[in-house]
Amino acid sequence: MKSRSALRIVGIVAGVAAAATLTACGGGTKDSGKPTVVASTNVWGSVAAAVAGADAAVQAIIADPSADPHSYETTAADSAKFSDAGLVVYNGGGYDEFATKAIAGRDKKSVAAFDSRTDQSDKNEHVWYDPTIVGKVADRIAAALGEIDAEHAKNYTDRAAAFRDRLGAITAASDRIAADHPKSPVLQTEPIAHYLLRAANAEDRTPRSFQEAIEQGTDPTPADVAAVRDMLSGKQVRAMVYNTQTEDKITKDLAALAKRSGVAVVEVTETLPAGTDFVQWQTDNAQALAKALS
């Protein structure tokens, strides 16, 4: 996997709901007469596709599992896609700045997932790890598409409702963890699974300054690294949540230490793996955490 660096990778979203069609470019989409949805990543592309079904075409700018949305830079082709789209769905909260910049001054519809937070005081931008927020985003996508394409408004609303029902599988998995393993101590290489850990009632013992350094691509202090190593070698935590898309020498060494020390490593990513959709991906993440804490 690549560490954080400026990546210019554009791909076609794979493994989304079977009813939806995702495309990598806008030519055929515009010719079809269907509304076009452009998502910043295949995470939100998968959510949008579940709502769009066959009535709208969805494309994502970032789909490569090794790409880093924090540092992605748009190409001229990307800018054209954002400009032409009837609806843009992006994360917001400083996560995918390339999308925020691309739609600045745009007078068409957009949905920022970060603005759908249930708790507005929680500033963690990795909101796709919260099924409640994701369900609200699906509803907002349905409403926006219904305004663009009134003929199929009910279809969008119905599919959003069905999608929200499917999100219950994720919530059920995290609820089981909270009931079976309350207050389980864990570490994270960065705060990507913040909302999952909160729902699972897990206790994140990672030094905040360590997480911020890894997330920003800077070196954590020796004291923070030593503290994390002590927690792993002393088995003071039961699992380490490991973001494979921002790994570097420090995090690789920590993952190796965790395995040697008998601490389970739960691998997570920021974009969808190939061959899955959003609900299956997040359900798998929750189940992996449950297994690690068992």
Protein backbone atom coordinates (compact mmCIF):
# COMPACT_ATOMS: atom_id res chain seq x y z
CA MET A 1 0.00 0.00 0.00
CA LYS A 2 1.12 3.58 -0.64
CA SER A 3 1.70 6.08 2.15
CA ARG A 4 0.14 9.54 2.04
CA SER A 5 1.31 11.37 -1.09
CA ALA A 6 -0.28 13.33 -3.90
CA LEU A 7 -1.99 10.74 -6.06
CA ARG A 8 -3.80 11.34 -9.31
CA ILE A 9 -5.73 8.12 -9.59
CA VAL A 10 -9.16 8.04 -11.14
CA GLY A 11 -11.08 4.77 -11.45
CA ILE A 12 -14.46 3.23 -11.95
CA VAL A 13 -16.37 2.35 -8.82
CA ALA A 14 -16.70 -1.41 -8.48
CA GLY A 15 -18.93 -3.65 -6.42
CA VAL A 16 -21.95 -1.43 -5.80
CA ALA A 17 -25.61 -2.31 -5.61
CA ALA A 18 -26.52 -4.47 -8.57
CA ALA A 19 -29.29 -2.17 -9.70
CA ALA A 20 -27.00 0.81 -10.14
CA THR A 21 -24.68 1.64 -13.00
CA LEU A 22 -21.47 3.54 -12.31
CA THR A 23 -19.41 5.06 -15.08
CA ALA A 24 -15.94 6.53 -15.28
CA CYS A 25 -16.74 9.34 -17.67
CA GLY A 26 -19.70 11.48 -18.54
CA GLY A 27 -20.16 11.16 -22.31
CA GLY A 28 -22.57 8.24 -22.47
CA THR A 29 -24.24 9.41 -19.29
CA LYS A 30 -25.21 12.77 -20.72
CA ASP A 31 -26.45 11.14 -23.92
CA SER A 32 -28.71 8.80 -21.92
CA GLY A 33 -30.74 11.68 -20.54
CA LYS A 34 -30.41 10.39 -16.98
CA PRO A 35 -29.34 12.64 -14.12
CA THR A 36 -25.61 12.40 -13.44
CA VAL A 37 -24.26 12.04 -9.91
CA VAL A 38 -20.55 12.55 -9.27
CA ALA A 39 -19.15 11.35 -5.92
CA SER A 40 -15.74 12.26 -4.53
CA THR A 41 -14.98 8.63 -3.58
CA ASN A 42 -16.48 5.25 -4.26
CA VAL A 43 -17.72 5.19 -0.65
CA TRP A 44 -20.26 7.91 -1.38
CA GLY A 45 -20.57 6.59 -4.92
CA SER A 46 -21.86 3.31 -3.53
CA VAL A 47 -24.36 5.09 -1.30
CA ALA A 48 -25.52 7.26 -4.21
CA ALA A 49 -25.79 4.24 -6.50
CA ALA A 50 -28.02 2.44 -4.01
CA VAL A 51 -30.41 5.40 -4.17
CA ALA A 52 -30.06 6.10 -7.90
CA GLY A 53 -30.80 2.60 -9.08
CA ALA A 54 -31.39 2.53 -12.83
CA ASP A 55 -32.83 6.04 -12.91
CA ALA A 56 -29.56 7.99 -12.59
CA ALA A 57 -25.94 7.38 -13.49
CA VAL A 58 -23.31 7.56 -10.75
CA GLN A 59 -19.58 8.01 -11.16
CA ALA A 60 -16.81 8.38 -8.57
CA ILE A 61 -13.57 10.29 -8.85
CA ILE A 62 -11.55 8.07 -6.49
CA ALA A 63 -12.04 4.31 -6.51
CA ASP A 64 -8.51 2.97 -6.22
CA PRO A 65 -8.00 1.36 -2.79
CA SER A 66 -4.46 2.79 -2.54
CA ALA A 67 -5.48 6.39 -3.26
CA ASP A 68 -5.59 8.95 -0.46
CA PRO A 69 -8.55 11.37 -0.65
CA HIS A 70 -6.79 13.82 1.68
CA SER A 71 -4.08 14.55 -0.87
CA TYR A 72 -5.80 13.88 -4.17
CA GLU A 73 -5.49 16.58 -6.83
CA THR A 74 -8.13 16.97 -9.53
CA THR A 75 -7.35 16.69 -13.20
CA ALA A 76 -8.97 18.73 -15.95
CA ALA A 77 -11.21 15.73 -16.66
CA ASP A 78 -12.28 15.62 -13.01
CA SER A 79 -13.16 19.31 -13.08
CA ALA A 80 -15.32 18.75 -16.14
CA LYS A 81 -17.18 15.93 -14.41
CA PHE A 82 -17.91 18.07 -11.37
CA SER A 83 -19.05 20.90 -13.61
CA ASP A 84 -21.39 18.73 -15.70
CA ALA A 85 -22.92 16.74 -12.83
CA GLY A 86 -26.50 17.36 -11.83
CA LEU A 87 -25.60 16.34 -8.26
CA VAL A 88 -22.26 16.12 -6.45
CA VAL A 89 -21.94 13.97 -3.32
CA TYR A 90 -18.82 14.45 -1.24
CA ASN A 91 -17.63 13.94 2.31
CA GLY A 92 -16.74 17.46 3.42
CA GLY A 93 -15.29 18.38 6.79
CA GLY A 94 -11.86 18.94 5.24
CA TYR A 95 -11.58 15.31 4.15
CA ASP A 96 -11.85 15.57 0.35
CA GLU A 97 -10.76 19.14 -0.23
CA PHE A 98 -10.34 18.46 -3.94
CA ALA A 99 -14.12 18.10 -4.24
CA THR A 100 -14.86 21.13 -2.07
CA LYS A 101 -12.61 23.26 -4.25
CA ALA A 102 -13.99 21.82 -7.49
CA ILE A 103 -17.58 22.78 -6.71
CA ALA A 104 -16.85 26.22 -5.27
CA GLY A 105 -19.21 28.68 -6.92
CA ARG A 106 -21.18 25.88 -8.56
CA ASP A 107 -24.92 26.64 -8.76
CA LYS A 108 -26.07 23.01 -9.06
CA LYS A 109 -27.04 20.64 -6.25
CA SER A 110 -24.58 19.03 -3.87
CA VAL A 111 -24.70 16.92 -0.71
CA ALA A 112 -21.91 17.10 1.89
CA ALA A 113 -22.04 14.07 4.18
CA PHE A 114 -20.26 15.86 7.04
CA ASP A 115 -23.16 18.29 7.29
CA SER A 116 -25.45 15.35 8.14
CA ARG A 117 -23.78 14.62 11.48
CA THR A 118 -26.13 13.69 14.29
CA ASP A 119 -23.79 15.26 16.85
CA GLN A 120 -22.61 18.57 15.43
CA SER A 121 -19.99 18.85 18.17
CA ASP A 122 -18.17 15.75 16.90
CA LYS A 123 -15.66 17.01 14.36
CA ASN A 124 -14.30 13.64 13.18
CA GLU A 125 -14.64 13.71 9.40
CA HIS A 126 -14.75 9.95 8.79
CA VAL A 127 -18.54 10.02 8.92
CA TRP A 128 -19.13 7.03 6.67
CA TYR A 129 -18.35 4.86 9.69
CA ASP A 130 -21.62 6.06 11.26
CA PRO A 131 -24.70 4.31 9.77
CA THR A 132 -27.04 6.97 11.13
CA ILE A 133 -25.21 9.69 9.24
CA VAL A 134 -25.03 7.56 6.11
CA GLY A 135 -28.79 6.97 6.24
CA LYS A 136 -29.36 10.72 6.40
CA VAL A 137 -27.05 11.22 3.43
CA ALA A 138 -29.05 8.66 1.45
CA ASP A 139 -32.24 10.57 2.21
CA ARG A 140 -30.64 13.84 1.13
CA ILE A 141 -29.45 12.25 -2.11
CA ALA A 142 -32.98 10.96 -2.76
CA ALA A 143 -34.46 14.39 -2.13
CA ALA A 144 -31.96 16.09 -4.44
CA LEU A 145 -32.46 13.58 -7.23
CA GLY A 146 -36.22 13.87 -6.82
CA GLU A 147 -35.97 17.60 -7.46
CA ILE A 148 -33.77 17.06 -10.50
CA ASP A 149 -35.85 14.16 -11.83
CA ALA A 150 -39.40 14.52 -10.49
CA GLU A 151 -40.68 11.65 -12.64
CA HIS A 152 -38.66 9.15 -10.58
CA ALA A 153 -38.81 10.93 -7.21
CA LYS A 154 -40.71 8.11 -5.51
CA ASN A 155 -38.22 5.56 -6.81
CA TYR A 156 -35.36 7.46 -5.21
CA THR A 157 -37.22 7.80 -1.92
CA ASP A 158 -38.14 4.11 -1.86
CA ARG A 159 -34.59 3.01 -2.59
CA ALA A 160 -33.21 5.31 0.11
CA ALA A 161 -35.60 3.72 2.61
CA ALA A 162 -34.56 0.23 1.54
CA PHE A 163 -30.91 1.23 1.85
CA ARG A 164 -31.49 2.57 5.37
CA ASP A 165 -33.06 -0.75 6.30
CA ARG A 166 -29.93 -2.55 5.11
CA LEU A 167 -27.78 -0.29 7.27
CA GLY A 168 -29.38 -2.02 10.23
CA ALA A 169 -26.96 -4.93 9.72
CA ILE A 170 -24.05 -2.63 10.59
CA THR A 171 -25.79 -1.22 13.65
CA ALA A 172 -26.71 -4.71 14.84
CA ALA A 173 -23.08 -5.82 14.60
CA SER A 174 -21.76 -2.83 16.59
CA ASP A 175 -24.55 -3.20 19.15
CA ARG A 176 -23.51 -6.81 19.74
CA ILE A 177 -19.95 -5.69 20.39
CA ALA A 178 -21.15 -3.06 22.86
CA ALA A 179 -23.20 -5.68 24.70
CA ASP A 180 -20.62 -8.48 24.65
CA HIS A 181 -17.39 -6.50 25.05
CA PRO A 182 -18.17 -3.13 26.69
CA LYS A 183 -15.31 -0.70 27.22
CA SER A 184 -12.80 -2.88 25.41
CA PRO A 185 -9.48 -0.99 25.15
CA VAL A 186 -8.22 -0.48 21.59
CA LEU A 187 -5.67 1.51 19.60
CA GLN A 188 -5.96 3.15 16.19
CA THR A 189 -3.18 4.21 13.85
CA GLU A 190 -5.44 7.18 13.06
CA PRO A 191 -9.05 8.05 14.00
CA ILE A 192 -10.67 6.53 10.91
CA ALA A 193 -12.98 4.10 12.76
CA HIS A 194 -13.95 6.65 15.41
CA TYR A 195 -17.71 6.26 14.90
CA LEU A 196 -17.56 2.47 14.77
CA LEU A 197 -15.62 2.33 18.03
CA ARG A 198 -18.05 4.75 19.65
CA ALA A 199 -21.04 2.65 18.56
CA ALA A 200 -19.27 -0.49 19.82
CA ASN A 201 -18.66 1.20 23.20
CA ALA A 202 -14.93 0.58 22.83
CA GLU A 203 -12.32 2.65 24.66
CA ASP A 204 -9.83 4.27 22.26
CA ARG A 205 -6.58 4.67 24.19
CA THR A 206 -4.52 6.07 21.32
CA PRO A 207 -2.74 9.34 22.13
CA ARG A 208 -4.58 11.98 20.12
CA SER A 209 -1.32 13.60 19.06
CA PHE A 210 -0.14 10.26 17.66
CA GLN A 211 -3.30 9.86 15.57
CA GLU A 212 -3.09 13.42 14.28
CA ALA A 213 0.54 13.02 13.25
CA ILE A 214 -0.13 9.84 11.28
CA GLU A 215 -3.21 11.37 9.67
CA GLN A 216 -1.29 14.49 8.63
CA GLY A 217 1.64 12.47 7.28
CA THR A 218 4.11 13.74 9.89
CA ASP A 219 6.22 11.80 12.37
CA PRO A 220 4.68 11.28 15.82
CA THR A 221 6.87 12.19 18.76
CA PRO A 222 9.18 9.50 20.17
CA ALA A 223 7.21 9.70 23.42
CA ASP A 224 3.94 8.95 21.62
CA VAL A 225 5.47 6.07 19.70
CA ALA A 226 6.92 4.66 22.92
CA ALA A 227 3.53 4.94 24.65
CA VAL A 228 1.81 3.07 21.84
CA ARG A 229 4.51 0.41 21.76
CA ASP A 230 4.19 -0.08 25.53
CA MET A 231 0.42 -0.55 25.21
CA LEU A 232 0.93 -3.19 22.55
CA SER A 233 3.82 -5.08 24.10
CA GLY A 234 2.12 -4.99 27.50
CA LYS A 235 -1.20 -6.12 25.98
CA GLN A 236 -2.96 -3.14 27.50
CA VAL A 237 -5.28 -3.11 24.49
CA ARG A 238 -7.21 -5.92 22.88
CA ALA A 239 -7.06 -4.76 19.27
CA MET A 240 -5.38 -2.26 16.98
CA VAL A 241 -7.39 -0.68 14.16
CA TYR A 242 -4.97 -0.28 11.26
CA ASN A 243 -5.58 1.97 8.24
CA THR A 244 -3.81 0.21 5.38
CA GLN A 245 -4.15 3.24 3.09
CA THR A 246 -1.89 5.47 5.18
CA GLU A 247 0.66 2.96 6.38
CA ASP A 248 4.30 3.93 6.76
CA LYS A 249 7.33 2.44 8.50
CA ILE A 250 6.08 3.45 11.94
CA THR A 251 2.61 1.95 11.54
CA LYS A 252 3.97 -1.17 9.84
CA ASP A 253 6.34 -1.72 12.76
CA LEU A 254 3.49 -1.24 15.22
CA ALA A 255 1.29 -3.73 13.36
CA ALA A 256 4.12 -6.25 13.46
CA LEU A 257 4.59 -5.63 17.19
CA ALA A 258 0.87 -6.07 17.80
CA LYS A 259 0.89 -9.44 16.08
CA ARG A 260 3.98 -10.56 18.00
CA SER A 261 2.34 -9.47 21.25
CA GLY A 262 -0.92 -11.28 20.56
CA VAL A 263 -2.96 -8.11 19.95
CA ALA A 264 -5.43 -8.52 17.09
CA VAL A 265 -4.98 -6.18 14.11
CA VAL A 266 -8.18 -4.99 12.42
CA GLU A 267 -7.40 -3.66 8.94
CA VAL A 268 -9.62 -0.87 7.63
CA THR A 269 -9.59 1.34 4.53
CA GLU A 270 -10.91 4.71 3.42
CA THR A 271 -12.37 3.53 0.10
CA LEU A 272 -14.37 0.46 -0.84
CA PRO A 273 -12.46 -2.71 -1.67
CA ALA A 274 -13.26 -4.13 -5.09
CA GLY A 275 -16.24 -6.44 -5.32
CA THR A 276 -18.32 -5.17 -2.42
CA ASP A 277 -20.90 -2.49 -1.67
CA PHE A 278 -21.11 -0.06 1.22
CA VAL A 279 -23.31 -2.11 3.56
CA GLN A 280 -21.32 -5.32 3.13
CA TRP A 281 -18.03 -3.44 3.59
CA GLN A 282 -19.05 -1.78 6.83
CA THR A 283 -20.73 -4.92 8.16
CA ASP A 284 -17.48 -6.79 7.51
CA ASN A 285 -15.55 -4.07 9.38
CA ALA A 286 -17.83 -4.37 12.40
CA GLN A 287 -17.63 -8.15 12.36
CA ALA A 288 -13.84 -8.01 12.11
CA LEU A 289 -13.74 -5.81 15.21
CA ALA A 290 -16.06 -8.21 17.01
CA LYS A 291 -13.81 -11.14 16.15
CA ALA A 292 -10.74 -9.24 17.34
CA LEU A 293 -12.34 -8.51 20.70
CA SER A 294 -13.72 -12.01 21.24
